[in-house]
Amino acid sequence: MDQLAALADQAANPGADWSYGGFGVYIHWPFCLSKCPYCDFNSHVRREVDQARWSRALDLELEAMRQRSGARQVDSLFFGGGTPSLMAPETVGAAIETVQRFWGLTDNAEITLEANPTSIEAGRFRGYAEAGVNRVSIGVQALNDAHLTALGRTHTALEARAAFDIARSAFDRVSFDLIYARVDQTFEAWRGELTEALAMAVDHLSLYQLTIEPETRFAELQARGKLRVPSDEKSAAMFAVTQEICEAMGVPAYEVSNHARPGAESRHNLVYWRYGDYAGVGPGAHGRLTSNGKRWATETVRGPEAWLNRVEAMGDGLTQAVELSLSEQADEMMLMGLRLSEGVDMTRYTALSGRTLQEERITPLLEQELLTIEGKQLRATATGRPVLNALLRTLLA
């Protein structure tokens, strides 16, 4: 369904709003070989995993989600983690076949698998491609050995470049992540590193500022005065430099932290940011599912073994499915959509919430050139994007 048709449909039936962003399935593989000190994701170190048992449990929860969502086709399937490249190709292939059986994949469905450089092998990657994966996202994080060590990564920059070459030989679409505003990182070093990354023939990059998350090893070190990250001012300047370099090299930001050549945007992430529906499967996975005209926020058990036992006993690992009011949906849609360079269609917000955005809240933000309105699209400007969270608090208060 194209954008105009989706808007017309939702205006008559707000319960069809999800169709604007499409439908995706997210499968969480929670296991890693080690825990990075900055990571607050639901990841757990395990050396041995009964993949056949886990495959059966994923099938059960996918079936339960299909019963909730009803008939529709999947636009994107994403294996996240953790380290999904520790999954056997047979496990990945079985999950893809299950999604195809229960929902059906669109002809051009995007199927992405996250990978760490240490787990990338040519044979394994050929197996993923044969199973149906058509895009990989590599957690490179840095192209500097000293900083990789400081980030707790177990690969070297040389291994990261080799992993990229292997992935590129197996898949047409390859993305990788980098973290910047790292401890002791200079502007000059980041310029050189980013320029090298952009020259590696990639069509998509995710570029994240280092954030100290609660209950991580980095948070503990910072509290003890043993970790000093760049100031807010320096981080903001590095953000500006990042935008400048990526724009100049034809890989502009289509979202606050994501850059792509035209047409290479992550379709799965666009499902989130355009506020589509997505089924979250696996330990700690979140979802948004529309059923019988109502949208539900879902969440599953976080602990891997607890999730596995619950799915085997109950058929799914859900701990909650909370109905979202139309007003809550409208605010979530705005929170997600303003991250995109395309912004948010204000008629969609009105169709969902039944109200227009308050002029007295928008006008000062327009005057400060933090927001702009073009036609019906509300967008954050280059000035507004670095302070998006504060902007949204004002807009939706």
Protein backbone atom coordinates (compact mmCIF):
# COMPACT_ATOMS: atom_id res chain seq x y z
CA MET A 1 0.00 0.00 0.00
CA ASP A 2 1.50 3.38 -0.97
CA GLN A 3 1.70 6.32 1.42
CA LEU A 4 -1.34 8.20 0.13
CA ALA A 5 -3.52 5.08 0.16
CA ALA A 6 -2.34 4.25 3.67
CA LEU A 7 -3.22 7.74 4.91
CA ALA A 8 -6.65 7.58 3.34
CA ASP A 9 -7.26 4.15 4.88
CA GLN A 10 -6.16 5.23 8.34
CA ALA A 11 -8.26 8.43 8.25
CA ALA A 12 -11.32 6.23 7.83
CA ASN A 13 -10.01 3.51 10.13
CA PRO A 14 -7.26 4.40 12.65
CA GLY A 15 -6.86 0.67 13.34
CA ALA A 16 -5.20 0.38 9.91
CA ASP A 17 -2.46 2.88 10.82
CA TRP A 18 0.23 0.18 10.93
CA SER A 19 -0.02 -0.24 7.15
CA TYR A 20 1.72 3.13 6.67
CA GLY A 21 4.97 1.64 7.99
CA GLY A 22 4.50 -1.98 6.94
CA PHE A 23 4.98 -5.18 8.92
CA GLY A 24 8.21 -6.71 10.17
CA VAL A 25 9.32 -9.64 12.32
CA TYR A 26 12.20 -9.31 14.77
CA ILE A 27 13.89 -12.47 16.13
CA HIS A 28 16.21 -12.03 19.11
CA TRP A 29 19.15 -14.38 19.56
CA PRO A 30 20.44 -13.47 23.05
CA PHE A 31 23.80 -15.23 23.12
CA CYS A 32 27.31 -13.75 22.82
CA LEU A 33 30.83 -15.04 23.31
CA SER A 34 31.56 -12.08 25.63
CA LYS A 35 29.74 -9.05 27.08
CA CYS A 36 30.87 -5.62 25.87
CA PRO A 37 31.25 -3.03 28.68
CA TYR A 38 29.01 -0.45 26.96
CA CYS A 39 26.21 -2.88 26.05
CA ASP A 40 22.84 -2.80 27.80
CA PHE A 41 21.11 -5.11 25.30
CA ASN A 42 19.57 -8.36 26.45
CA SER A 43 22.67 -10.44 25.76
CA HIS A 44 24.12 -13.36 27.72
CA VAL A 45 27.42 -15.22 27.50
CA ARG A 46 26.84 -18.89 26.66
CA ARG A 47 29.37 -21.30 25.16
CA GLU A 48 26.95 -24.13 24.42
CA VAL A 49 23.41 -23.74 23.03
CA ASP A 50 20.98 -26.50 22.06
CA GLN A 51 20.11 -24.96 18.70
CA ALA A 52 17.54 -27.61 17.78
CA ARG A 53 15.61 -26.90 20.98
CA TRP A 54 15.83 -23.16 20.43
CA SER A 55 14.68 -23.53 16.84
CA ARG A 56 11.56 -25.40 17.97
CA ALA A 57 10.81 -22.70 20.57
CA LEU A 58 11.18 -19.90 18.01
CA ASP A 59 8.72 -21.75 15.77
CA LEU A 60 6.21 -21.93 18.62
CA GLU A 61 6.42 -18.22 19.41
CA LEU A 62 6.25 -17.26 15.73
CA GLU A 63 3.06 -19.28 15.47
CA ALA A 64 1.62 -17.52 18.54
CA MET A 65 2.44 -14.12 17.02
CA ARG A 66 0.78 -15.14 13.75
CA GLN A 67 -2.39 -15.93 15.69
CA ARG A 68 -2.28 -12.42 17.18
CA SER A 69 -1.49 -10.54 13.98
CA GLY A 70 -3.82 -12.33 11.61
CA ALA A 71 -3.09 -12.78 7.91
CA ARG A 72 -0.63 -10.34 6.34
CA GLN A 73 2.71 -10.43 4.56
CA VAL A 74 6.12 -9.70 6.07
CA ASP A 75 8.07 -6.80 4.56
CA SER A 76 11.20 -7.37 6.63
CA LEU A 77 12.70 -10.01 8.90
CA PHE A 78 15.56 -9.11 11.23
CA PHE A 79 17.77 -11.42 13.31
CA GLY A 80 19.19 -9.29 16.14
CA GLY A 81 20.98 -9.92 19.39
CA GLY A 82 23.21 -10.80 21.05
CA THR A 83 25.19 -12.30 18.21
CA PRO A 84 22.91 -13.91 15.61
CA SER A 85 25.93 -14.94 13.55
CA LEU A 86 26.47 -17.58 16.24
CA MET A 87 23.28 -19.25 14.99
CA ALA A 88 23.74 -22.25 12.74
CA PRO A 89 22.65 -21.51 9.16
CA GLU A 90 20.12 -24.35 9.58
CA THR A 91 18.56 -22.54 12.57
CA VAL A 92 18.31 -19.30 10.58
CA GLY A 93 16.87 -21.15 7.57
CA ALA A 94 14.25 -22.90 9.70
CA ALA A 95 13.08 -19.56 11.15
CA ILE A 96 12.83 -18.02 7.67
CA GLU A 97 10.80 -21.00 6.47
CA THR A 98 8.48 -20.66 9.49
CA VAL A 99 7.89 -16.96 8.79
CA GLN A 100 7.16 -17.80 5.16
CA ARG A 101 4.74 -20.55 6.17
CA PHE A 102 2.79 -18.54 8.73
CA TRP A 103 2.66 -15.12 7.05
CA GLY A 104 4.40 -15.17 3.69
CA LEU A 105 7.23 -12.85 2.69
CA THR A 106 6.72 -10.08 0.14
CA ASP A 107 8.61 -10.51 -3.14
CA ASN A 108 11.25 -7.96 -2.16
CA ALA A 109 11.34 -8.72 1.57
CA GLU A 110 14.52 -7.66 3.36
CA ILE A 111 16.04 -10.39 5.56
CA THR A 112 18.86 -9.06 7.75
CA LEU A 113 21.23 -10.83 10.13
CA GLU A 114 23.52 -9.03 12.59
CA ALA A 115 27.08 -10.34 12.81
CA ASN A 116 30.24 -9.79 14.80
CA PRO A 117 33.56 -9.89 12.91
CA THR A 118 34.86 -12.71 15.12
CA SER A 119 32.02 -15.02 14.07
CA ILE A 120 32.16 -14.35 10.32
CA GLU A 121 33.30 -17.30 8.23
CA ALA A 122 32.96 -17.61 4.46
CA GLY A 123 31.28 -21.01 4.64
CA ARG A 124 28.81 -19.94 7.32
CA PHE A 125 27.93 -16.81 5.38
CA ARG A 126 27.29 -18.79 2.22
CA GLY A 127 24.97 -20.92 4.36
CA TYR A 128 23.05 -17.84 5.52
CA ALA A 129 22.70 -16.62 1.94
CA GLU A 130 21.43 -20.02 0.83
CA ALA A 131 18.95 -19.97 3.73
CA GLY A 132 17.47 -16.69 2.45
CA VAL A 133 19.37 -13.91 4.26
CA ASN A 134 19.95 -11.05 1.81
CA ARG A 135 21.49 -8.36 4.05
CA VAL A 136 24.01 -8.38 6.90
CA SER A 137 24.86 -5.76 9.50
CA ILE A 138 28.35 -6.06 11.04
CA GLY A 139 29.25 -4.79 14.50
CA VAL A 140 32.65 -3.30 13.59
CA GLN A 141 32.39 -0.42 16.15
CA ALA A 142 35.92 0.93 15.46
CA LEU A 143 38.76 0.72 12.94
CA ASN A 144 41.37 1.36 15.62
CA ASP A 145 42.86 -1.53 17.62
CA ALA A 146 43.42 0.40 20.85
CA HIS A 147 39.85 1.65 20.86
CA LEU A 148 38.48 -1.78 20.01
CA THR A 149 40.24 -3.13 23.09
CA ALA A 150 38.84 -0.28 25.22
CA LEU A 151 35.36 -1.08 23.91
CA GLY A 152 35.77 -4.71 24.97
CA ARG A 153 35.70 -5.99 21.41
CA THR A 154 37.55 -9.23 20.71
CA HIS A 155 38.41 -8.53 17.07
CA THR A 156 41.09 -6.34 15.51
CA ALA A 157 40.64 -3.69 12.85
CA LEU A 158 42.30 -6.04 10.35
CA GLU A 159 39.80 -8.79 11.21
CA ALA A 160 36.94 -6.31 10.82
CA ARG A 161 38.10 -5.37 7.31
CA ALA A 162 38.48 -9.06 6.40
CA ALA A 163 35.01 -9.81 7.77
CA PHE A 164 33.59 -7.02 5.64
CA ASP A 165 35.22 -8.48 2.53
CA ILE A 166 33.75 -11.92 3.28
CA ALA A 167 30.29 -10.44 3.82
CA ARG A 168 30.54 -8.38 0.64
CA SER A 169 31.35 -11.52 -1.36
CA ALA A 170 28.23 -13.28 -0.04
CA PHE A 171 25.65 -10.46 0.04
CA ASP A 172 24.72 -7.53 -2.14
CA ARG A 173 23.69 -5.46 0.88
CA VAL A 174 26.13 -4.97 3.75
CA SER A 175 25.98 -2.46 6.58
CA PHE A 176 28.21 -1.95 9.57
CA ASP A 177 28.17 -0.05 12.86
CA LEU A 178 30.72 2.38 14.23
CA ILE A 179 30.78 4.08 17.63
CA TYR A 180 32.25 7.59 17.90
CA ALA A 181 32.77 10.21 20.62
CA ARG A 182 34.86 7.50 22.24
CA VAL A 183 37.23 8.00 25.16
CA ASP A 184 40.30 9.97 23.97
CA GLN A 185 39.05 10.11 20.37
CA THR A 186 40.16 13.23 18.47
CA PHE A 187 38.35 14.98 15.64
CA GLU A 188 41.21 14.19 13.28
CA ALA A 189 41.15 10.48 14.15
CA TRP A 190 37.38 10.27 13.67
CA ARG A 191 37.55 12.09 10.32
CA GLY A 192 40.13 9.60 9.08
CA GLU A 193 38.26 6.58 10.42
CA LEU A 194 34.91 7.66 8.98
CA THR A 195 36.46 8.52 5.62
CA GLU A 196 38.00 5.04 5.48
CA ALA A 197 34.68 3.43 6.40
CA LEU A 198 32.85 5.34 3.68
CA ALA A 199 35.50 4.32 1.15
CA MET A 200 34.89 0.62 1.84
CA ALA A 201 32.12 0.59 -0.80
CA VAL A 202 29.35 0.32 1.79
CA ASP A 203 25.86 1.57 1.04
CA HIS A 204 24.69 1.82 4.68
CA LEU A 205 26.34 2.86 7.95
CA SER A 206 24.98 3.09 11.49
CA LEU A 207 27.00 5.68 13.41
CA TYR A 208 26.30 5.89 17.13
CA GLN A 209 27.68 8.25 19.74
CA LEU A 210 29.05 6.40 22.75
CA THR A 211 26.40 6.52 25.45
CA ILE A 212 27.00 5.37 29.01
CA GLU A 213 24.02 3.20 29.83
CA PRO A 214 22.99 2.36 33.42
CA GLU A 215 24.05 -1.00 34.84
CA THR A 216 26.89 -1.50 32.36
CA ARG A 217 30.59 -1.90 33.10
CA PHE A 218 31.23 1.54 31.59
CA ALA A 219 28.64 3.09 33.96
CA GLU A 220 30.44 1.51 36.90
CA LEU A 221 33.81 2.83 35.71
CA GLN A 222 32.40 6.31 35.12
CA ALA A 223 30.89 6.38 38.62
CA ARG A 224 34.35 5.56 40.02
CA GLY A 225 35.97 8.34 38.01
CA LYS A 226 37.89 5.91 35.81
CA LEU A 227 36.13 6.67 32.53
CA ARG A 228 35.84 10.11 30.99
CA VAL A 229 33.85 10.53 27.80
CA PRO A 230 33.94 13.67 25.62
CA SER A 231 31.93 16.66 26.81
CA ASP A 232 28.44 17.29 25.44
CA GLU A 233 29.88 20.15 23.40
CA LYS A 234 32.58 18.00 21.83
CA SER A 235 30.11 15.17 21.15
CA ALA A 236 27.75 17.63 19.44
CA ALA A 237 30.63 18.92 17.31
CA MET A 238 31.58 15.36 16.35
CA PHE A 239 27.95 14.74 15.36
CA ALA A 240 28.09 17.79 13.09
CA VAL A 241 31.37 16.60 11.53
CA THR A 242 29.81 13.19 10.92
CA GLN A 243 26.87 14.70 9.04
CA GLU A 244 29.18 16.90 7.00
CA ILE A 245 31.47 14.07 5.87
CA CYS A 246 28.66 11.63 5.09
CA GLU A 247 26.73 14.22 3.10
CA ALA A 248 29.83 15.07 1.09
CA MET A 249 30.42 11.38 0.25
CA GLY A 250 26.82 10.72 -0.84
CA VAL A 251 25.71 8.79 2.25
CA PRO A 252 23.38 11.24 4.02
CA ALA A 253 21.51 10.60 7.25
CA TYR A 254 17.99 9.30 6.69
CA GLU A 255 17.66 8.90 10.47
CA VAL A 256 19.56 10.46 13.37
CA SER A 257 22.19 7.69 13.54
CA ASN A 258 21.74 5.92 10.19
CA HIS A 259 23.20 6.84 6.82
CA ALA A 260 22.56 5.31 3.41
CA ARG A 261 22.95 5.85 -0.28
CA PRO A 262 19.53 6.51 -1.84
CA GLY A 263 17.55 3.27 -1.97
CA ALA A 264 19.78 1.42 0.52
CA GLU A 265 17.94 2.42 3.69
CA SER A 266 17.24 -0.38 6.17
CA ARG A 267 13.67 -1.38 5.44
CA HIS A 268 13.33 -3.11 8.78
CA ASN A 269 14.34 0.00 10.72
CA LEU A 270 11.94 2.04 8.59
CA VAL A 271 9.13 -0.20 9.85
CA TYR A 272 9.99 1.01 13.37
CA TRP A 273 10.50 4.66 12.54
CA ARG A 274 7.44 4.88 10.30
CA TYR A 275 5.53 3.24 13.15
CA GLY A 276 4.47 0.08 11.41
CA ASP A 277 3.68 -3.20 13.13
CA TYR A 278 6.33 -5.71 14.15
CA ALA A 279 6.24 -9.04 15.93
CA GLY A 280 8.99 -9.34 18.55
CA VAL A 281 10.11 -12.95 19.05
CA GLY A 282 12.73 -14.35 21.43
CA PRO A 283 13.91 -13.36 24.94
CA GLY A 284 13.22 -9.75 25.84
CA ALA A 285 11.80 -8.85 22.43
CA HIS A 286 9.34 -5.96 22.19
CA GLY A 287 6.63 -5.66 19.56
CA ARG A 288 3.72 -3.57 18.28
CA LEU A 289 0.85 -5.58 16.85
CA THR A 290 -2.54 -4.47 15.58
CA SER A 291 -5.39 -6.92 16.08
CA ASN A 292 -9.12 -6.26 15.64
CA GLY A 293 -8.47 -2.54 15.22
CA LYS A 294 -6.43 -2.24 18.43
CA ARG A 295 -2.68 -1.86 18.76
CA TRP A 296 -0.84 -3.80 21.42
CA ALA A 297 2.60 -3.31 22.97
CA THR A 298 4.09 -6.75 23.59
CA GLU A 299 7.12 -7.90 25.57
CA THR A 300 8.61 -11.31 26.26
CA VAL A 301 10.54 -12.83 29.17
CA ARG A 302 14.13 -11.50 29.22
CA GLY A 303 16.03 -14.46 30.66
CA PRO A 304 16.97 -16.97 27.93
CA GLU A 305 16.30 -20.12 29.95
CA ALA A 306 13.13 -18.66 31.51
CA TRP A 307 11.88 -17.70 28.03
CA LEU A 308 12.67 -21.14 26.65
CA ASN A 309 10.86 -22.94 29.47
CA ARG A 310 7.83 -20.68 29.23
CA VAL A 311 7.51 -21.09 25.46
CA GLU A 312 7.74 -24.87 25.74
CA ALA A 313 5.07 -24.87 28.46
CA MET A 314 2.75 -22.07 27.23
CA GLY A 315 3.43 -21.66 23.50
CA ASP A 316 4.87 -18.14 23.84
CA GLY A 317 7.12 -16.12 26.14
CA LEU A 318 4.89 -13.06 26.47
CA THR A 319 4.94 -11.27 29.80
CA GLN A 320 2.65 -8.47 28.70
CA ALA A 321 0.39 -7.29 25.90
CA VAL A 322 -0.85 -3.79 26.71
CA GLU A 323 -3.46 -2.03 24.60
CA LEU A 324 -2.29 1.40 23.44
CA SER A 325 -4.78 4.26 23.26
CA LEU A 326 -4.95 6.25 20.02
CA SER A 327 -3.34 9.18 21.84
CA GLU A 328 -0.45 6.96 22.98
CA GLN A 329 -0.04 5.64 19.45
CA ALA A 330 0.05 9.17 18.02
CA ASP A 331 2.76 10.22 20.49
CA GLU A 332 4.81 7.08 19.78
CA MET A 333 4.48 7.70 16.07
CA MET A 334 5.76 11.27 16.55
CA LEU A 335 8.64 10.11 18.78
CA MET A 336 9.77 7.63 16.14
CA GLY A 337 8.98 9.59 12.99
CA LEU A 338 10.81 12.81 13.85
CA ARG A 339 14.03 10.79 13.94
CA LEU A 340 13.69 10.44 10.16
CA SER A 341 14.86 13.08 7.70
CA GLU A 342 11.48 12.69 5.95
CA GLY A 343 9.72 13.69 9.19
CA VAL A 344 6.11 13.05 10.11
CA ASP A 345 2.90 13.70 8.17
CA MET A 346 0.83 15.85 10.51
CA THR A 347 -2.42 14.54 9.00
CA ARG A 348 -1.44 11.09 10.21
CA TYR A 349 -0.93 12.41 13.73
CA THR A 350 -4.36 14.06 13.62
CA ALA A 351 -6.02 10.95 12.17
CA LEU A 352 -4.66 8.85 15.05
CA SER A 353 -5.01 11.23 17.96
CA GLY A 354 -8.15 13.10 16.91
CA ARG A 355 -6.40 16.40 17.62
CA THR A 356 -3.93 18.73 15.95
CA LEU A 357 -0.55 19.59 17.38
CA GLN A 358 -0.80 22.67 19.57
CA GLU A 359 0.24 25.78 17.68
CA GLU A 360 1.68 27.41 20.80
CA ARG A 361 4.10 24.49 21.13
CA ILE A 362 5.12 24.30 17.46
CA THR A 363 5.55 28.04 16.77
CA PRO A 364 8.50 28.69 19.14
CA LEU A 365 10.30 25.62 17.76
CA LEU A 366 9.76 26.86 14.21
CA GLU A 367 11.03 30.34 15.16
CA GLN A 368 14.15 28.80 16.73
CA GLU A 369 14.63 26.81 13.49
CA LEU A 370 14.53 23.50 15.35
CA LEU A 371 11.53 22.34 13.33
CA THR A 372 10.34 23.06 9.83
CA ILE A 373 7.04 22.42 8.05
CA GLU A 374 6.99 21.62 4.34
CA GLY A 375 3.48 20.95 3.13
CA LYS A 376 2.09 18.49 5.66
CA GLN A 377 5.51 17.18 6.73
CA LEU A 378 6.90 18.19 10.10
CA ARG A 379 10.68 17.75 10.20
CA ALA A 380 13.51 18.32 12.64
CA THR A 381 16.15 20.62 11.17
CA ALA A 382 19.90 20.06 11.26
CA THR A 383 19.90 22.27 14.37
CA GLY A 384 17.01 20.40 15.96
CA ARG A 385 18.17 16.86 15.35
CA PRO A 386 21.02 16.84 17.93
CA VAL A 387 18.54 18.01 20.63
CA LEU A 388 15.64 15.89 19.43
CA ASN A 389 14.75 14.45 22.85
CA ALA A 390 14.36 17.90 24.39
CA LEU A 391 12.44 19.07 21.34
CA LEU A 392 9.98 16.18 21.63
CA ARG A 393 9.44 16.79 25.33
CA THR A 394 8.34 20.33 24.49
CA LEU A 395 6.24 19.29 21.50
CA LEU A 396 4.33 16.47 23.25
CA ALA A 397 4.13 17.84 26.80
